Protein backbone atom coordinates (compact mmCIF):
# COMPACT_ATOMS: atom_id res chain seq x y z
CA UNK A 1 0.00 0.00 0.00
CA UNK A 2 1.32 3.44 -0.89
CA UNK A 3 -0.06 5.33 2.11
CA UNK A 4 2.05 8.04 3.73
CA UNK A 5 0.61 7.45 7.20
CA UNK A 6 0.99 3.66 6.94
CA UNK A 7 4.68 4.26 6.14
CA UNK A 8 5.00 6.61 9.14
CA UNK A 9 3.35 4.02 11.40
CA UNK A 10 5.69 1.25 10.21
CA UNK A 11 8.70 3.55 10.68
CA UNK A 12 9.91 3.74 7.08
CA UNK A 13 9.21 7.50 7.11
CA UNK A 14 10.45 9.36 10.22
CA UNK A 15 8.10 11.28 12.49
CA UNK A 16 8.11 12.97 15.87
CA UNK A 17 6.09 10.53 17.95
CA UNK A 18 3.92 11.98 20.71
CA UNK A 19 1.97 8.86 21.71
CA UNK A 20 1.67 5.23 20.68
CA UNK A 21 -0.20 2.14 21.78
CA UNK A 22 -1.15 -1.07 19.98
CA UNK A 23 -3.96 0.62 17.98
CA UNK A 24 -3.02 4.33 17.71
CA UNK A 25 -0.01 6.33 16.57
CA UNK A 26 0.23 10.08 17.26
CA UNK A 27 2.88 12.39 15.82
CA UNK A 28 3.58 16.08 15.24
CA UNK A 29 2.23 17.60 12.03
CA UNK A 30 5.05 18.83 9.76
CA UNK A 31 2.98 21.90 8.82
CA UNK A 32 1.52 23.00 12.18
CA UNK A 33 -1.56 25.24 12.24
CA UNK A 34 -1.24 25.92 15.98
CA UNK A 35 1.58 25.83 18.55
CA UNK A 36 0.54 22.21 19.22
CA UNK A 37 -0.58 20.24 16.17
CA UNK A 38 -0.59 16.48 16.56
CA UNK A 39 -2.06 13.91 14.18
CA UNK A 40 -3.64 10.79 15.65
CA UNK A 41 -4.09 7.85 13.28
CA UNK A 42 -5.37 4.31 13.63
CA UNK A 43 -2.72 1.70 12.92
CA UNK A 44 -5.36 -0.05 10.84
CA UNK A 45 -5.72 1.61 7.44
CA UNK A 46 -9.12 3.28 7.14
CA UNK A 47 -9.30 5.74 4.21
CA UNK A 48 -11.53 8.36 5.88
CA UNK A 49 -14.55 8.82 8.14
CA UNK A 50 -16.61 7.38 5.26
CA UNK A 51 -14.69 4.13 5.69
CA UNK A 52 -15.68 3.61 9.33
CA UNK A 53 -17.77 0.47 9.74
CA UNK A 54 -19.05 -1.74 12.55
CA UNK A 55 -16.01 -3.96 11.91
CA UNK A 56 -13.38 -1.20 12.37
CA UNK A 57 -15.10 1.40 14.57
CA UNK A 58 -13.18 0.15 17.62
CA UNK A 59 -10.09 1.77 16.07
CA UNK A 60 -11.87 5.13 16.18
CA UNK A 61 -12.89 4.57 19.79
CA UNK A 62 -9.25 3.88 20.64
CA UNK A 63 -8.23 7.18 19.05
CA UNK A 64 -10.77 9.03 21.20
CA UNK A 65 -9.34 7.30 24.26
CA UNK A 66 -5.84 8.40 23.19
CA UNK A 67 -6.73 12.05 22.49
CA UNK A 68 -6.79 13.17 26.16
CA UNK A 69 -3.53 11.30 26.79
CA UNK A 70 -1.80 13.05 23.88
CA UNK A 71 -3.31 16.39 24.94
CA UNK A 72 -2.02 15.93 28.49
CA UNK A 73 1.42 14.92 27.21
CA UNK A 74 1.50 18.16 25.20
CA UNK A 75 0.43 20.29 28.18
CA UNK A 76 -2.97 21.25 26.74
CA UNK A 77 -4.56 21.93 30.12
CA UNK A 78 -6.75 24.83 28.98
CA UNK A 79 -8.50 23.13 26.07
CA UNK A 80 -7.91 21.90 22.55
CA UNK A 81 -9.69 21.24 19.26
CA UNK A 82 -10.03 17.94 17.38
CA UNK A 83 -10.74 17.93 13.63
CA UNK A 84 -11.05 15.22 10.99
CA UNK A 85 -11.31 16.18 7.34
CA UNK A 86 -13.25 13.78 5.12
CA UNK A 87 -12.89 13.94 1.34
CA UNK A 88 -11.58 16.41 -1.18
CA UNK A 89 -14.02 19.24 -0.38
CA UNK A 90 -12.83 19.14 3.25
CA UNK A 91 -9.18 19.17 2.07
CA UNK A 92 -8.30 15.65 3.24
CA UNK A 93 -4.83 15.37 1.71
CA UNK A 94 -3.83 11.94 3.09
CA UNK A 95 -6.39 9.20 2.51
CA UNK A 96 -5.86 7.55 5.90
CA UNK A 97 -8.29 8.47 8.68
CA UNK A 98 -6.64 10.95 11.01
CA UNK A 99 -7.57 13.46 13.65
CA UNK A 100 -5.86 16.82 14.14
CA UNK A 101 -5.28 17.77 17.78
CA UNK A 102 -4.79 21.55 17.91
CA UNK A 103 -4.02 23.78 20.86
CA UNK A 104 -1.41 25.72 22.74
CA UNK A 105 -3.19 29.07 22.40
CA UNK A 106 -6.70 30.50 22.17
CA UNK A 107 -8.06 29.21 18.88
CA UNK A 108 -10.35 31.29 16.64
CA UNK A 109 -14.13 30.89 17.02
CA UNK A 110 -14.79 30.41 13.34
CA UNK A 111 -13.72 27.38 11.38
CA UNK A 112 -14.44 28.75 7.91
């Protein structure tokens, strides 16, 4: 499979790991949009939110269990934002389900 995030998970492309367990890998975004910008990905390849099924939804649950751990590790004690882009119109550039953890300052109210 020619997936950037799968290659990061397997270690063939370097990343700055923030958190890892048997189901989730979290690493710093190389183009941060906030002082803290971490990507959390399932180790199982799921192309996007549209690819979540009853068979693989446990991977998403594990990410949501990992988000507060990654946020705490990054010192996000005053809040953070979690975003997942799905599809071309939402600017999903890597077709592997991922969640952006953003924080480290007061974030703007508006998203668009």
